[in-house]
N, C-alpha and C. Protein backbone atom coordinates (compact mmCIF):
# COMPACT_ATOMS: atom_id res chain seq x y z
N ARG A 1 0.83 -1.22 0.01
CA ARG A 1 -0.02 -0.01 0.00
C ARG A 1 0.86 1.26 0.00
N TRP A 2 2.16 1.13 0.33
CA TRP A 2 3.03 2.31 0.34
C TRP A 2 3.64 2.58 -1.01
N LEU A 3 3.97 1.56 -1.74
CA LEU A 3 4.69 1.71 -2.99
C LEU A 3 3.84 1.55 -4.24
N GLY A 4 2.69 0.88 -4.11
CA GLY A 4 1.89 0.59 -5.27
C GLY A 4 2.55 -0.48 -6.14
N GLY A 5 1.98 -0.74 -7.30
CA GLY A 5 2.57 -1.74 -8.20
C GLY A 5 2.14 -3.14 -7.88
N ASP A 6 2.69 -4.09 -8.61
CA ASP A 6 2.33 -5.49 -8.44
C ASP A 6 3.39 -6.22 -7.60
N PHE A 7 2.93 -7.12 -6.77
CA PHE A 7 3.83 -7.88 -5.91
C PHE A 7 3.49 -9.37 -5.99
N GLU A 8 4.48 -10.19 -5.89
CA GLU A 8 4.28 -11.62 -5.73
C GLU A 8 4.77 -12.01 -4.35
N VAL A 9 3.85 -12.54 -3.54
CA VAL A 9 4.20 -12.92 -2.18
C VAL A 9 4.56 -14.40 -2.16
N ILE A 10 5.76 -14.68 -1.71
CA ILE A 10 6.20 -16.08 -1.57
C ILE A 10 6.25 -16.40 -0.08
N PRO A 11 5.49 -17.40 0.37
CA PRO A 11 5.39 -17.65 1.79
C PRO A 11 6.63 -18.34 2.38
N ASN A 12 6.62 -18.48 3.69
CA ASN A 12 7.63 -19.31 4.36
C ASN A 12 7.46 -20.76 3.91
N GLY A 13 8.58 -21.49 3.93
CA GLY A 13 8.50 -22.88 3.54
C GLY A 13 8.41 -23.79 4.78
N CYS A 14 7.97 -25.00 4.54
CA CYS A 14 7.80 -25.98 5.60
C CYS A 14 8.25 -27.34 5.13
N VAL A 15 8.86 -28.09 6.01
CA VAL A 15 9.23 -29.48 5.71
C VAL A 15 7.96 -30.34 5.81
N VAL A 16 7.63 -30.97 4.71
CA VAL A 16 6.47 -31.86 4.68
C VAL A 16 6.96 -33.30 4.80
N PRO A 17 6.65 -33.97 5.91
CA PRO A 17 7.16 -35.36 6.09
C PRO A 17 6.71 -36.24 4.93
N GLU A 18 7.52 -37.25 4.65
CA GLU A 18 7.22 -38.14 3.55
C GLU A 18 5.94 -38.91 3.80
N HIS A 19 5.70 -39.28 5.05
CA HIS A 19 4.52 -40.03 5.40
C HIS A 19 3.84 -39.35 6.60
N ALA A 20 2.51 -39.36 6.58
CA ALA A 20 1.74 -38.86 7.71
C ALA A 20 0.36 -39.48 7.64
N ASP A 21 -0.02 -40.23 8.67
CA ASP A 21 -1.31 -40.90 8.71
C ASP A 21 -2.23 -40.14 9.67
N PRO A 22 -3.32 -39.54 9.15
CA PRO A 22 -4.22 -38.79 10.04
C PRO A 22 -5.01 -39.66 10.99
N GLY A 23 -5.08 -40.97 10.71
CA GLY A 23 -5.78 -41.86 11.60
C GLY A 23 -4.83 -42.45 12.63
N ASN A 24 -5.37 -43.32 13.48
CA ASN A 24 -4.57 -44.07 14.47
C ASN A 24 -3.74 -43.11 15.34
N ARG A 25 -4.37 -42.05 15.82
CA ARG A 25 -3.66 -41.07 16.65
C ARG A 25 -4.00 -41.25 18.13
N ALA A 26 -3.05 -40.83 18.98
CA ALA A 26 -3.33 -40.76 20.39
C ALA A 26 -4.33 -39.64 20.67
N ASN A 27 -5.07 -39.75 21.73
CA ASN A 27 -6.07 -38.74 22.09
C ASN A 27 -5.39 -37.54 22.72
N HIS A 28 -4.51 -36.92 21.92
CA HIS A 28 -3.71 -35.78 22.39
C HIS A 28 -4.08 -34.52 21.60
N ILE A 29 -3.98 -33.38 22.28
CA ILE A 29 -4.07 -32.08 21.66
C ILE A 29 -2.76 -31.36 21.89
N VAL A 30 -2.15 -30.84 20.86
CA VAL A 30 -0.81 -30.20 20.99
C VAL A 30 -0.96 -28.68 20.90
N PHE A 31 -0.28 -28.00 21.80
CA PHE A 31 -0.10 -26.54 21.78
C PHE A 31 1.39 -26.27 21.64
N ILE A 32 1.77 -25.36 20.75
CA ILE A 32 3.16 -24.95 20.58
C ILE A 32 3.26 -23.46 20.76
N GLY A 33 4.05 -23.02 21.72
CA GLY A 33 4.21 -21.57 21.91
C GLY A 33 5.02 -21.26 23.13
N ARG A 34 5.80 -20.18 23.02
CA ARG A 34 6.55 -19.75 24.20
C ARG A 34 5.63 -18.98 25.15
N HIS A 35 6.19 -18.61 26.31
CA HIS A 35 5.39 -17.92 27.34
C HIS A 35 5.27 -16.45 26.91
N ASP A 36 4.25 -16.18 26.10
CA ASP A 36 4.01 -14.86 25.58
C ASP A 36 2.49 -14.67 25.59
N ALA A 37 2.02 -13.58 26.17
CA ALA A 37 0.57 -13.38 26.33
C ALA A 37 -0.19 -13.50 25.03
N ARG A 38 0.45 -13.05 23.94
CA ARG A 38 -0.29 -13.06 22.67
C ARG A 38 -0.48 -14.45 22.11
N LYS A 39 0.25 -15.44 22.64
CA LYS A 39 0.06 -16.82 22.18
C LYS A 39 -1.24 -17.43 22.74
N GLY A 40 -1.83 -16.79 23.74
CA GLY A 40 -3.13 -17.21 24.24
C GLY A 40 -3.17 -18.44 25.12
N LEU A 41 -2.01 -18.79 25.70
CA LEU A 41 -2.00 -19.98 26.56
C LEU A 41 -2.98 -19.85 27.74
N PRO A 42 -3.09 -18.72 28.42
CA PRO A 42 -4.05 -18.61 29.51
C PRO A 42 -5.51 -18.91 29.07
N VAL A 43 -5.84 -18.51 27.84
CA VAL A 43 -7.19 -18.82 27.32
C VAL A 43 -7.37 -20.32 27.25
N LEU A 44 -6.37 -21.01 26.73
CA LEU A 44 -6.43 -22.47 26.62
C LEU A 44 -6.51 -23.13 27.98
N LEU A 45 -5.73 -22.64 28.94
CA LEU A 45 -5.69 -23.26 30.26
C LEU A 45 -7.02 -23.04 30.99
N ARG A 46 -7.66 -21.90 30.78
CA ARG A 46 -8.98 -21.69 31.39
C ARG A 46 -10.04 -22.62 30.79
N ALA A 47 -9.88 -22.87 29.48
CA ALA A 47 -10.83 -23.74 28.80
C ALA A 47 -10.55 -25.22 29.06
N TRP A 48 -9.30 -25.56 29.44
CA TRP A 48 -8.90 -26.93 29.47
C TRP A 48 -9.73 -27.86 30.33
N PRO A 49 -10.08 -27.53 31.58
CA PRO A 49 -10.85 -28.49 32.38
C PRO A 49 -12.12 -28.97 31.68
N GLU A 50 -12.81 -28.06 30.97
CA GLU A 50 -14.04 -28.46 30.29
C GLU A 50 -13.69 -29.29 29.04
N ILE A 51 -12.63 -28.94 28.33
CA ILE A 51 -12.18 -29.75 27.18
C ILE A 51 -11.85 -31.16 27.65
N ARG A 52 -11.13 -31.25 28.74
CA ARG A 52 -10.73 -32.54 29.30
C ARG A 52 -11.97 -33.35 29.73
N ARG A 53 -12.94 -32.70 30.34
CA ARG A 53 -14.14 -33.37 30.79
C ARG A 53 -14.94 -33.92 29.61
N ARG A 54 -15.04 -33.13 28.53
CA ARG A 54 -15.87 -33.56 27.40
C ARG A 54 -15.17 -34.58 26.47
N THR A 55 -13.85 -34.49 26.38
CA THR A 55 -13.13 -35.30 25.36
C THR A 55 -12.23 -36.35 25.94
N GLY A 56 -11.81 -36.20 27.18
CA GLY A 56 -10.84 -37.14 27.79
C GLY A 56 -9.46 -37.03 27.21
N ALA A 57 -9.21 -36.00 26.39
CA ALA A 57 -7.90 -35.84 25.75
C ALA A 57 -6.85 -35.36 26.73
N ARG A 58 -5.59 -35.54 26.33
CA ARG A 58 -4.46 -34.96 27.04
C ARG A 58 -3.96 -33.77 26.27
N LEU A 59 -3.46 -32.79 26.99
CA LEU A 59 -2.89 -31.58 26.37
C LEU A 59 -1.38 -31.67 26.47
N ARG A 60 -0.68 -31.52 25.38
CA ARG A 60 0.78 -31.58 25.30
C ARG A 60 1.28 -30.17 25.00
N LEU A 61 1.93 -29.55 25.96
CA LEU A 61 2.44 -28.17 25.79
C LEU A 61 3.89 -28.21 25.36
N ILE A 62 4.18 -27.65 24.20
CA ILE A 62 5.53 -27.60 23.66
C ILE A 62 6.01 -26.16 23.60
N GLY A 63 7.24 -25.89 24.04
CA GLY A 63 7.78 -24.53 24.00
C GLY A 63 7.49 -23.71 25.24
N THR A 64 6.64 -24.24 26.09
CA THR A 64 6.27 -23.54 27.32
C THR A 64 7.23 -23.92 28.43
N ASP A 65 7.84 -22.96 29.04
CA ASP A 65 8.79 -23.22 30.11
C ASP A 65 8.07 -23.81 31.31
N PRO A 66 8.52 -24.95 31.85
CA PRO A 66 7.84 -25.59 32.98
C PRO A 66 7.69 -24.65 34.20
N LEU A 67 8.70 -23.85 34.47
CA LEU A 67 8.60 -22.95 35.63
C LEU A 67 7.54 -21.89 35.41
N GLN A 68 7.48 -21.33 34.21
CA GLN A 68 6.45 -20.33 33.90
C GLN A 68 5.09 -20.96 33.91
N TYR A 69 4.99 -22.21 33.46
CA TYR A 69 3.70 -22.91 33.51
C TYR A 69 3.25 -23.09 34.95
N ARG A 70 4.17 -23.49 35.84
CA ARG A 70 3.80 -23.63 37.24
C ARG A 70 3.35 -22.33 37.87
N LEU A 71 3.98 -21.23 37.45
CA LEU A 71 3.55 -19.90 37.94
C LEU A 71 2.12 -19.61 37.46
N LEU A 72 1.83 -19.92 36.21
CA LEU A 72 0.48 -19.72 35.72
C LEU A 72 -0.52 -20.57 36.48
N GLN A 73 -0.12 -21.80 36.73
CA GLN A 73 -1.04 -22.72 37.44
C GLN A 73 -1.34 -22.22 38.84
N SER A 74 -0.32 -21.68 39.51
CA SER A 74 -0.51 -21.21 40.89
C SER A 74 -1.36 -19.92 40.95
N THR A 75 -1.25 -19.11 39.90
CA THR A 75 -2.01 -17.83 39.90
C THR A 75 -3.42 -18.02 39.34
N MET A 76 -3.56 -18.87 38.29
CA MET A 76 -4.85 -19.05 37.69
C MET A 76 -5.70 -20.12 38.38
N ARG A 77 -5.02 -21.04 39.03
CA ARG A 77 -5.67 -22.13 39.82
C ARG A 77 -6.63 -22.96 38.98
N PHE A 78 -6.21 -23.30 37.79
CA PHE A 78 -7.00 -24.22 36.97
C PHE A 78 -6.64 -25.65 37.30
N ASP A 79 -7.51 -26.57 36.94
CA ASP A 79 -7.25 -28.01 37.18
C ASP A 79 -6.26 -28.49 36.15
N PRO A 80 -5.04 -28.93 36.56
CA PRO A 80 -4.01 -29.36 35.61
C PRO A 80 -4.13 -30.79 35.13
N ASP A 81 -5.21 -31.47 35.50
CA ASP A 81 -5.35 -32.87 35.09
C ASP A 81 -5.27 -33.04 33.59
N GLY A 82 -4.42 -33.95 33.15
CA GLY A 82 -4.33 -34.24 31.72
C GLY A 82 -3.36 -33.37 30.95
N ILE A 83 -2.57 -32.55 31.63
CA ILE A 83 -1.65 -31.65 30.98
C ILE A 83 -0.22 -32.16 31.11
N ASP A 84 0.51 -32.26 29.99
CA ASP A 84 1.92 -32.63 29.99
C ASP A 84 2.73 -31.47 29.47
N VAL A 85 3.70 -31.00 30.27
CA VAL A 85 4.54 -29.86 29.87
C VAL A 85 5.86 -30.40 29.38
N LEU A 86 6.07 -30.33 28.04
CA LEU A 86 7.27 -30.89 27.45
C LEU A 86 8.42 -29.88 27.38
N GLY A 87 8.10 -28.60 27.48
CA GLY A 87 9.14 -27.56 27.40
C GLY A 87 9.70 -27.44 26.01
N ILE A 88 10.97 -26.98 25.93
CA ILE A 88 11.64 -26.85 24.64
C ILE A 88 12.07 -28.23 24.14
N VAL A 89 11.72 -28.54 22.90
CA VAL A 89 12.06 -29.85 22.34
C VAL A 89 12.74 -29.68 20.99
N THR A 90 13.31 -30.75 20.50
CA THR A 90 13.94 -30.71 19.16
C THR A 90 12.88 -30.68 18.10
N ASN A 91 13.26 -30.32 16.88
CA ASN A 91 12.33 -30.33 15.76
C ASN A 91 11.78 -31.76 15.52
N GLU A 92 12.62 -32.74 15.74
CA GLU A 92 12.19 -34.12 15.53
C GLU A 92 11.08 -34.50 16.53
N VAL A 93 11.26 -34.13 17.79
CA VAL A 93 10.24 -34.41 18.80
C VAL A 93 8.97 -33.62 18.51
N ARG A 94 9.13 -32.39 18.13
CA ARG A 94 7.99 -31.54 17.77
C ARG A 94 7.15 -32.18 16.66
N SER A 95 7.82 -32.62 15.59
CA SER A 95 7.12 -33.28 14.48
C SER A 95 6.44 -34.56 14.91
N ALA A 96 7.14 -35.31 15.77
CA ALA A 96 6.61 -36.58 16.25
C ALA A 96 5.34 -36.33 17.09
N GLU A 97 5.39 -35.31 17.92
CA GLU A 97 4.20 -34.99 18.75
C GLU A 97 3.02 -34.59 17.88
N LEU A 98 3.28 -33.76 16.87
CA LEU A 98 2.19 -33.36 15.97
C LEU A 98 1.66 -34.57 15.20
N SER A 99 2.55 -35.45 14.76
CA SER A 99 2.16 -36.61 13.96
C SER A 99 1.36 -37.63 14.77
N ASN A 100 1.47 -37.56 16.10
CA ASN A 100 0.79 -38.50 16.97
C ASN A 100 -0.49 -37.95 17.56
N ALA A 101 -0.76 -36.67 17.36
CA ALA A 101 -1.90 -36.00 18.01
C ALA A 101 -3.13 -35.99 17.12
N LYS A 102 -4.28 -35.92 17.75
CA LYS A 102 -5.51 -35.82 17.01
C LYS A 102 -5.83 -34.38 16.58
N ALA A 103 -5.24 -33.41 17.29
CA ALA A 103 -5.50 -32.01 16.93
C ALA A 103 -4.39 -31.12 17.41
N PHE A 104 -4.28 -29.98 16.73
CA PHE A 104 -3.36 -28.92 17.14
C PHE A 104 -4.22 -27.70 17.49
N VAL A 105 -3.88 -27.03 18.57
CA VAL A 105 -4.66 -25.86 18.97
C VAL A 105 -3.77 -24.64 19.15
N SER A 106 -4.21 -23.49 18.67
CA SER A 106 -3.49 -22.25 18.84
C SER A 106 -4.44 -21.10 19.07
N PRO A 107 -4.71 -20.76 20.34
CA PRO A 107 -5.65 -19.69 20.67
C PRO A 107 -5.02 -18.33 20.74
N ALA A 108 -4.11 -18.03 19.81
CA ALA A 108 -3.36 -16.77 19.83
C ALA A 108 -4.32 -15.59 19.79
N LEU A 109 -3.91 -14.49 20.41
CA LEU A 109 -4.76 -13.32 20.53
C LEU A 109 -4.48 -12.28 19.44
N GLY A 110 -3.41 -12.43 18.68
CA GLY A 110 -3.06 -11.49 17.62
C GLY A 110 -1.58 -11.36 17.45
N GLY A 111 -1.18 -10.49 16.51
CA GLY A 111 0.25 -10.25 16.34
C GLY A 111 0.99 -11.34 15.58
N GLU A 112 0.24 -12.25 14.92
CA GLU A 112 0.88 -13.33 14.17
C GLU A 112 0.95 -12.89 12.70
N SER A 113 2.15 -12.69 12.18
CA SER A 113 2.27 -12.25 10.80
C SER A 113 2.06 -13.38 9.81
N PHE A 114 2.31 -14.62 10.24
CA PHE A 114 2.16 -15.79 9.36
C PHE A 114 1.93 -17.00 10.22
N GLY A 115 0.96 -17.82 9.83
CA GLY A 115 0.60 -18.97 10.65
C GLY A 115 1.52 -20.19 10.44
N MET A 116 2.81 -20.05 10.75
CA MET A 116 3.77 -21.09 10.54
C MET A 116 3.42 -22.35 11.35
N VAL A 117 2.97 -22.16 12.56
CA VAL A 117 2.65 -23.34 13.40
C VAL A 117 1.46 -24.12 12.81
N LEU A 118 0.55 -23.39 12.18
CA LEU A 118 -0.57 -24.08 11.53
C LEU A 118 -0.09 -24.90 10.36
N ILE A 119 0.82 -24.28 9.57
CA ILE A 119 1.36 -24.99 8.41
C ILE A 119 2.09 -26.27 8.85
N GLU A 120 2.84 -26.23 9.94
CA GLU A 120 3.57 -27.38 10.44
C GLU A 120 2.58 -28.48 10.86
N ALA A 121 1.46 -28.09 11.45
CA ALA A 121 0.45 -29.07 11.82
C ALA A 121 -0.19 -29.68 10.55
N PHE A 122 -0.52 -28.83 9.58
CA PHE A 122 -1.09 -29.34 8.33
C PHE A 122 -0.17 -30.36 7.69
N ALA A 123 1.13 -30.06 7.70
CA ALA A 123 2.11 -30.96 7.04
C ALA A 123 2.13 -32.36 7.65
N THR A 124 1.77 -32.46 8.92
CA THR A 124 1.73 -33.77 9.58
C THR A 124 0.34 -34.36 9.56
N ALA A 125 -0.55 -33.82 8.77
CA ALA A 125 -1.96 -34.29 8.63
C ALA A 125 -2.72 -34.18 9.94
N THR A 126 -2.42 -33.12 10.71
CA THR A 126 -3.07 -32.88 11.97
C THR A 126 -4.02 -31.68 11.83
N PRO A 127 -5.32 -31.88 12.03
CA PRO A 127 -6.27 -30.78 11.92
C PRO A 127 -6.07 -29.73 13.01
N VAL A 128 -6.53 -28.53 12.73
CA VAL A 128 -6.23 -27.36 13.56
C VAL A 128 -7.50 -26.70 14.07
N VAL A 129 -7.44 -26.28 15.35
CA VAL A 129 -8.43 -25.32 15.90
C VAL A 129 -7.63 -24.13 16.36
N ALA A 130 -7.92 -22.99 15.81
CA ALA A 130 -7.08 -21.79 16.09
C ALA A 130 -7.96 -20.54 16.10
N SER A 131 -7.37 -19.46 16.53
CA SER A 131 -8.04 -18.17 16.57
C SER A 131 -8.20 -17.60 15.18
N ASP A 132 -9.28 -16.90 14.98
CA ASP A 132 -9.56 -16.23 13.72
C ASP A 132 -8.87 -14.86 13.74
N ILE A 133 -7.58 -14.86 13.48
CA ILE A 133 -6.79 -13.63 13.42
C ILE A 133 -6.12 -13.58 12.05
N PRO A 134 -5.71 -12.40 11.60
CA PRO A 134 -5.21 -12.26 10.22
C PRO A 134 -4.12 -13.21 9.82
N GLY A 135 -3.11 -13.38 10.66
CA GLY A 135 -2.00 -14.25 10.26
C GLY A 135 -2.39 -15.71 10.09
N PHE A 136 -3.41 -16.16 10.85
CA PHE A 136 -3.87 -17.53 10.75
C PHE A 136 -4.93 -17.67 9.64
N ALA A 137 -5.81 -16.70 9.54
CA ALA A 137 -6.83 -16.78 8.49
C ALA A 137 -6.23 -16.76 7.09
N ALA A 138 -5.03 -16.19 6.96
CA ALA A 138 -4.38 -16.12 5.65
C ALA A 138 -3.92 -17.48 5.16
N VAL A 139 -3.70 -18.43 6.08
CA VAL A 139 -3.20 -19.74 5.66
C VAL A 139 -4.20 -20.87 5.88
N ALA A 140 -5.19 -20.65 6.76
CA ALA A 140 -6.13 -21.72 7.07
C ALA A 140 -7.21 -21.80 6.02
N THR A 141 -7.70 -23.00 5.80
CA THR A 141 -8.87 -23.23 4.91
C THR A 141 -9.93 -23.97 5.72
N PRO A 142 -11.21 -23.79 5.40
CA PRO A 142 -12.27 -24.41 6.20
C PRO A 142 -12.19 -25.93 6.22
N ASP A 143 -11.62 -26.54 5.20
CA ASP A 143 -11.57 -28.01 5.18
C ASP A 143 -10.40 -28.56 5.98
N ALA A 144 -9.51 -27.70 6.48
CA ALA A 144 -8.35 -28.15 7.23
C ALA A 144 -8.30 -27.58 8.66
N ALA A 145 -9.07 -26.54 8.92
CA ALA A 145 -8.96 -25.87 10.21
C ALA A 145 -10.31 -25.28 10.62
N THR A 146 -10.52 -25.19 11.92
CA THR A 146 -11.66 -24.46 12.46
C THR A 146 -11.14 -23.22 13.16
N LEU A 147 -11.59 -22.04 12.79
CA LEU A 147 -11.17 -20.82 13.39
C LEU A 147 -12.27 -20.28 14.31
N VAL A 148 -11.87 -19.84 15.52
CA VAL A 148 -12.81 -19.34 16.50
C VAL A 148 -12.43 -17.92 16.93
N PRO A 149 -13.35 -17.15 17.45
CA PRO A 149 -13.02 -15.79 17.89
C PRO A 149 -11.90 -15.79 18.93
N PRO A 150 -10.88 -14.95 18.80
CA PRO A 150 -9.79 -14.94 19.78
C PRO A 150 -10.30 -14.60 21.17
N GLY A 151 -9.81 -15.32 22.14
CA GLY A 151 -10.19 -15.09 23.54
C GLY A 151 -11.50 -15.73 23.95
N ASP A 152 -12.20 -16.40 23.04
CA ASP A 152 -13.49 -17.02 23.36
C ASP A 152 -13.28 -18.47 23.81
N GLU A 153 -13.25 -18.65 25.13
CA GLU A 153 -13.01 -19.97 25.68
C GLU A 153 -14.10 -20.96 25.34
N ASN A 154 -15.36 -20.54 25.38
CA ASN A 154 -16.46 -21.44 25.06
C ASN A 154 -16.40 -21.94 23.63
N ALA A 155 -16.08 -21.03 22.72
CA ALA A 155 -15.97 -21.43 21.32
C ALA A 155 -14.82 -22.39 21.13
N LEU A 156 -13.73 -22.20 21.85
CA LEU A 156 -12.58 -23.12 21.77
C LEU A 156 -12.97 -24.48 22.24
N VAL A 157 -13.68 -24.57 23.37
CA VAL A 157 -14.14 -25.85 23.92
C VAL A 157 -15.04 -26.56 22.92
N ASP A 158 -16.02 -25.83 22.39
CA ASP A 158 -16.99 -26.43 21.46
C ASP A 158 -16.33 -26.95 20.20
N ALA A 159 -15.38 -26.16 19.67
CA ALA A 159 -14.71 -26.54 18.42
C ALA A 159 -13.86 -27.80 18.59
N LEU A 160 -13.13 -27.87 19.70
CA LEU A 160 -12.31 -29.07 19.92
C LEU A 160 -13.17 -30.28 20.24
N GLU A 161 -14.26 -30.11 20.98
CA GLU A 161 -15.14 -31.21 21.22
C GLU A 161 -15.74 -31.75 19.93
N ALA A 162 -16.21 -30.84 19.06
CA ALA A 162 -16.83 -31.26 17.83
C ALA A 162 -15.81 -31.98 16.92
N LEU A 163 -14.58 -31.50 16.90
CA LEU A 163 -13.55 -32.12 16.08
C LEU A 163 -13.23 -33.53 16.56
N LEU A 164 -13.02 -33.72 17.87
CA LEU A 164 -12.64 -35.02 18.40
C LEU A 164 -13.82 -35.99 18.41
N ALA A 165 -15.05 -35.47 18.33
CA ALA A 165 -16.22 -36.36 18.38
C ALA A 165 -16.54 -36.95 17.01
N ASP A 166 -15.95 -36.42 15.94
CA ASP A 166 -16.26 -36.88 14.59
C ASP A 166 -14.97 -37.32 13.93
N GLU A 167 -14.66 -38.60 14.07
CA GLU A 167 -13.36 -39.11 13.57
C GLU A 167 -13.25 -39.01 12.07
N ASP A 168 -14.35 -39.29 11.36
CA ASP A 168 -14.30 -39.22 9.90
C ASP A 168 -13.96 -37.81 9.43
N ARG A 169 -14.60 -36.83 10.04
CA ARG A 169 -14.34 -35.43 9.71
C ARG A 169 -12.92 -35.04 10.10
N ARG A 170 -12.46 -35.51 11.27
CA ARG A 170 -11.09 -35.18 11.72
C ARG A 170 -10.05 -35.73 10.73
N ILE A 171 -10.25 -36.95 10.28
CA ILE A 171 -9.31 -37.55 9.32
C ILE A 171 -9.37 -36.80 7.98
N ALA A 172 -10.55 -36.43 7.54
CA ALA A 172 -10.67 -35.70 6.28
C ALA A 172 -9.99 -34.35 6.39
N MET A 173 -10.08 -33.69 7.54
CA MET A 173 -9.39 -32.41 7.73
C MET A 173 -7.89 -32.61 7.72
N GLY A 174 -7.40 -33.70 8.31
CA GLY A 174 -5.98 -33.97 8.30
C GLY A 174 -5.46 -34.18 6.89
N ILE A 175 -6.22 -34.91 6.10
CA ILE A 175 -5.81 -35.12 4.69
C ILE A 175 -5.79 -33.82 3.91
N ALA A 176 -6.83 -32.98 4.13
CA ALA A 176 -6.90 -31.70 3.42
C ALA A 176 -5.75 -30.78 3.84
N GLY A 177 -5.41 -30.77 5.13
CA GLY A 177 -4.32 -29.93 5.60
C GLY A 177 -2.99 -30.35 5.01
N ARG A 178 -2.75 -31.65 4.96
CA ARG A 178 -1.48 -32.13 4.39
C ARG A 178 -1.40 -31.77 2.91
N LYS A 179 -2.49 -31.87 2.17
CA LYS A 179 -2.51 -31.50 0.78
C LYS A 179 -2.23 -30.03 0.61
N LEU A 180 -2.82 -29.22 1.47
CA LEU A 180 -2.58 -27.77 1.45
C LEU A 180 -1.12 -27.44 1.68
N ALA A 181 -0.51 -28.07 2.70
CA ALA A 181 0.89 -27.81 3.02
C ALA A 181 1.79 -28.23 1.84
N ALA A 182 1.52 -29.39 1.26
CA ALA A 182 2.35 -29.89 0.17
C ALA A 182 2.27 -29.00 -1.05
N GLU A 183 1.07 -28.50 -1.35
CA GLU A 183 0.88 -27.74 -2.56
C GLU A 183 1.33 -26.30 -2.47
N ARG A 184 1.23 -25.69 -1.29
CA ARG A 184 1.51 -24.25 -1.17
C ARG A 184 2.75 -23.91 -0.38
N TYR A 185 3.16 -24.81 0.55
CA TYR A 185 4.19 -24.41 1.48
C TYR A 185 5.38 -25.35 1.61
N SER A 186 5.43 -26.39 0.81
CA SER A 186 6.59 -27.26 0.85
C SER A 186 7.81 -26.51 0.35
N TRP A 187 8.98 -26.88 0.88
CA TRP A 187 10.21 -26.22 0.47
C TRP A 187 10.47 -26.42 -1.01
N GLU A 188 10.06 -27.56 -1.53
CA GLU A 188 10.24 -27.81 -2.98
C GLU A 188 9.53 -26.74 -3.81
N ASP A 189 8.29 -26.46 -3.45
CA ASP A 189 7.51 -25.46 -4.21
C ASP A 189 8.04 -24.05 -3.94
N VAL A 190 8.34 -23.74 -2.68
CA VAL A 190 8.82 -22.41 -2.33
C VAL A 190 10.17 -22.13 -3.00
N ALA A 191 11.08 -23.13 -3.01
CA ALA A 191 12.38 -22.98 -3.66
C ALA A 191 12.23 -22.75 -5.17
N ARG A 192 11.32 -23.49 -5.78
CA ARG A 192 11.08 -23.29 -7.22
C ARG A 192 10.59 -21.88 -7.50
N ARG A 193 9.68 -21.39 -6.67
CA ARG A 193 9.14 -20.03 -6.88
C ARG A 193 10.20 -18.97 -6.63
N LEU A 194 11.02 -19.18 -5.63
CA LEU A 194 12.11 -18.24 -5.36
C LEU A 194 13.12 -18.21 -6.50
N GLU A 195 13.49 -19.38 -7.00
CA GLU A 195 14.43 -19.43 -8.11
C GLU A 195 13.87 -18.73 -9.33
N ALA A 196 12.62 -18.95 -9.65
CA ALA A 196 11.98 -18.31 -10.79
C ALA A 196 11.97 -16.80 -10.63
N THR A 197 11.73 -16.34 -9.41
CA THR A 197 11.69 -14.92 -9.15
C THR A 197 13.07 -14.28 -9.33
N TYR A 198 14.10 -14.92 -8.78
CA TYR A 198 15.47 -14.42 -8.95
C TYR A 198 15.90 -14.38 -10.40
N LEU A 199 15.53 -15.41 -11.16
CA LEU A 199 15.90 -15.45 -12.56
C LEU A 199 15.18 -14.34 -13.34
N ARG A 200 13.94 -14.09 -12.98
CA ARG A 200 13.17 -13.04 -13.66
C ARG A 200 13.75 -11.67 -13.37
N VAL A 201 14.12 -11.44 -12.09
CA VAL A 201 14.70 -10.18 -11.70
C VAL A 201 16.08 -9.96 -12.33
N ALA A 202 16.89 -11.01 -12.31
CA ALA A 202 18.25 -10.94 -12.84
C ALA A 202 18.23 -10.65 -14.34
N ALA A 203 17.21 -11.13 -15.02
CA ALA A 203 17.13 -10.92 -16.46
C ALA A 203 16.85 -9.46 -16.80
C-alpha cells in the first residue's frame, strides 16, 4: 500500500514429512508456543478443564517453560489434570508430537504475521483449531482448520469437542491440511518459486 505496483508474495517454507497418517492417533491435543501473552495460553488453560471433561484428551504443551507454567497454574488455579509440559524440544520431537496427536490448537490473541505453526500441523496431517486472526486466516482453509473468535473460551471448547467427536471429519481435515501444506508451503515449491523470481529479476 506504500509503494503501489504489483507484488508476488512467496510464503515461508515448511518441511512436509514423507509419510503422515491422520488416523490411528493418540487422544492428544498439541499446543506450541513460548510464554508470551499473545500466544493465548491462559485462554487455553482456562478452557482446558471443560475440554478434558468432554473429550478425555491430554494436552501436550511444547515450547512452554515448565517454571512459567507452574507460575500460571498457581495464579490461575486451573485443574491441571491431563496436561503434559514438554518444554523446549527438538524439531524431531515436535514433528513426532504433531504426527501422533488428534488435533493442534493455537488460541493466539493477535500479532501473528504468518501462521507457521498451523502449516507445520497441516504438514503432519493434523487438523487445527485456532483463533480467527489475520496471520492464521491467511493460511487456514475451512476443510483443514476451524477458526474461533480470539479469547473465546467457550468457542474453543466447542470446536475441539466437535472435532474429536467426529473421527471421519477429523481424518478428512488432516488429509486436506497435508494436501494444502504440500501444494502451497513445501520447500520444494517455495524454492522453485524463489528461483523463478530471482531469474526473472536478474534478467
